[in-house]
C-alpha atoms as a PDB file:
ATOM      1  CA  UNK A   1      -8.755  17.788  -3.803  1.00  0.00           C
ATOM      2  CA  UNK A   2     -11.647  18.245  -1.174  1.00  0.00           C
ATOM      3  CA  UNK A   3     -11.103  16.793   2.257  1.00  0.00           C
ATOM      4  CA  UNK A   4     -14.104  14.340   2.117  1.00  0.00           C
ATOM      5  CA  UNK A   5     -13.230  13.211  -1.353  1.00  0.00           C
ATOM      6  CA  UNK A   6      -9.539  12.633  -0.236  1.00  0.00           C
ATOM      7  CA  UNK A   7     -10.604  10.949   2.821  1.00  0.00           C
ATOM      8  CA  UNK A   8     -12.834   8.694   1.067  1.00  0.00           C
ATOM      9  CA  UNK A   9     -10.454   7.638  -1.636  1.00  0.00           C
ATOM     10  CA  UNK A  10      -7.578   6.951   0.908  1.00  0.00           C
ATOM     11  CA  UNK A  11     -10.132   4.997   3.032  1.00  0.00           C
ATOM     12  CA  UNK A  12     -11.095   2.816  -0.005  1.00  0.00           C
ATOM     13  CA  UNK A  13      -7.818   2.356  -1.472  1.00  0.00           C
ATOM     14  CA  UNK A  14      -5.953   2.010   1.734  1.00  0.00           C
ATOM     15  CA  UNK A  15      -8.531  -0.646   3.121  1.00  0.00           C
ATOM     16  CA  UNK A  16      -8.411  -2.599  -0.106  1.00  0.00           C
ATOM     17  CA  UNK A  17      -4.631  -2.813  -0.200  1.00  0.00           C
ATOM     18  CA  UNK A  18      -4.525  -3.759   3.684  1.00  0.00           C
ATOM     19  CA  UNK A  19      -7.295  -6.376   3.317  1.00  0.00           C
ATOM     20  CA  UNK A  20      -5.580  -7.823   0.279  1.00  0.00           C
ATOM     21  CA  UNK A  21      -2.274  -7.810   2.032  1.00  0.00           C
ATOM     22  CA  UNK A  22      -3.893  -9.631   5.009  1.00  0.00           C
ATOM     23  CA  UNK A  23      -5.367 -12.262   2.686  1.00  0.00           C
ATOM     24  CA  UNK A  24      -2.000 -12.659   0.809  1.00  0.00           C
ATOM     25  CA  UNK A  25      -0.364 -13.457   4.146  1.00  0.00           C
ATOM     26  CA  UNK A  26      -1.798 -16.980   4.046  1.00  0.00           C
ATOM     27  CA  UNK A  27      -1.584 -17.332   0.361  1.00  0.00           C
ATOM     28  CA  UNK A  28       1.313 -16.749  -1.975  1.00  0.00           C
ATOM     29  CA  UNK A  29       1.551 -13.115  -3.046  1.00  0.00           C
ATOM     30  CA  UNK A  30       3.168  -9.854  -2.395  1.00  0.00           C
ATOM     31  CA  UNK A  31       1.595  -9.285   1.168  1.00  0.00           C
ATOM     32  CA  UNK A  32       5.045  -7.757   2.190  1.00  0.00           C
ATOM     33  CA  UNK A  33       4.353  -4.980  -0.320  1.00  0.00           C
ATOM     34  CA  UNK A  34       0.602  -4.527  -0.150  1.00  0.00           C
ATOM     35  CA  UNK A  35      -0.018  -4.400   3.541  1.00  0.00           C
ATOM     36  CA  UNK A  36       2.503  -1.393   4.561  1.00  0.00           C
ATOM     37  CA  UNK A  37       1.251   0.419   1.469  1.00  0.00           C
ATOM     38  CA  UNK A  38      -2.472   0.164   2.667  1.00  0.00           C
ATOM     39  CA  UNK A  39      -1.427   0.965   6.177  1.00  0.00           C
ATOM     40  CA  UNK A  40       0.317   4.156   5.109  1.00  0.00           C
ATOM     41  CA  UNK A  41      -2.644   5.365   3.224  1.00  0.00           C
ATOM     42  CA  UNK A  42      -4.828   4.663   6.230  1.00  0.00           C
ATOM     43  CA  UNK A  43      -2.506   6.157   8.826  1.00  0.00           C
ATOM     44  CA  UNK A  44      -2.544   9.345   6.708  1.00  0.00           C
ATOM     45  CA  UNK A  45      -6.254   9.828   7.919  1.00  0.00           C
ATOM     46  CA  UNK A  46      -6.594   7.535  10.912  1.00  0.00           C
ATOM     47  CA  UNK A  47      -4.561   7.738  14.060  1.00  0.00           C
ATOM     48  CA  UNK A  48      -5.234   4.109  15.082  1.00  0.00           C
ATOM     49  CA  UNK A  49      -3.447   2.912  11.885  1.00  0.00           C
ATOM     50  CA  UNK A  50      -0.188   4.359  12.767  1.00  0.00           C
ATOM     51  CA  UNK A  51       0.566   1.617  15.523  1.00  0.00           C
ATOM     52  CA  UNK A  52      -0.056  -0.854  13.030  1.00  0.00           C
ATOM     53  CA  UNK A  53       2.057   0.463  10.496  1.00  0.00           C
ATOM     54  CA  UNK A  54       5.052   0.774  12.935  1.00  0.00           C
ATOM     55  CA  UNK A  55       4.466  -2.772  13.787  1.00  0.00           C
ATOM     56  CA  UNK A  56       4.502  -3.957  10.105  1.00  0.00           C
ATOM     57  CA  UNK A  57       7.651  -1.756   9.644  1.00  0.00           C
ATOM     58  CA  UNK A  58       9.452  -3.274  12.331  1.00  0.00           C
ATOM     59  CA  UNK A  59       8.506  -6.822  11.291  1.00  0.00           C
ATOM     60  CA  UNK A  60       9.724  -5.922   7.883  1.00  0.00           C
ATOM     61  CA  UNK A  61      12.926  -4.862   9.307  1.00  0.00           C
ATOM     62  CA  UNK A  62      13.603  -7.876  11.191  1.00  0.00           C
ATOM     63  CA  UNK A  63      12.802 -10.060   8.490  1.00  0.00           C
ATOM     64  CA  UNK A  64      15.185  -8.244   6.057  1.00  0.00           C
ATOM     65  CA  UNK A  65      18.065  -8.251   8.842  1.00  0.00           C
ATOM     66  CA  UNK A  66      17.265 -12.276   9.078  1.00  0.00           C
ATOM     67  CA  UNK A  67      17.645 -12.593   5.185  1.00  0.00           C
ATOM     68  CA  UNK A  68      20.787 -10.370   5.269  1.00  0.00           C
ATOM     69  CA  UNK A  69      22.394 -12.390   7.829  1.00  0.00           C
ATOM     70  CA  UNK A  70      21.414 -15.712   6.032  1.00  0.00           C
ATOM     71  CA  UNK A  71      22.740 -14.559   2.736  1.00  0.00           C
ATOM     72  CA  UNK A  72      25.912 -13.537   4.366  1.00  0.00           C
ATOM     73  CA  UNK A  73      26.346 -17.045   5.784  1.00  0.00           C
ATOM     74  CA  UNK A  74      25.687 -19.002   2.549  1.00  0.00           C
ATOM     75  CA  UNK A  75      27.324 -16.495   0.072  1.00  0.00           C
ATOM     76  CA  UNK A  76      30.990 -17.156  -0.804  1.00  0.00           C
END
């Protein structure tokens, strides 16, 4: 695939997924899935997206660790 076409597709799809993920943070929906996916696509072409991707990965890890501790406390 030619570089301009690839960059355009990654920008459009990554931007759409990221924007949808941001909207779904305020509404019920799979924001936890769409936001990192969109940022991953954007980070493939844009260095400015990499710190945001790292922050979302850290937040996801912290949230999963919290859920794991909660589950271990309530499970028999």
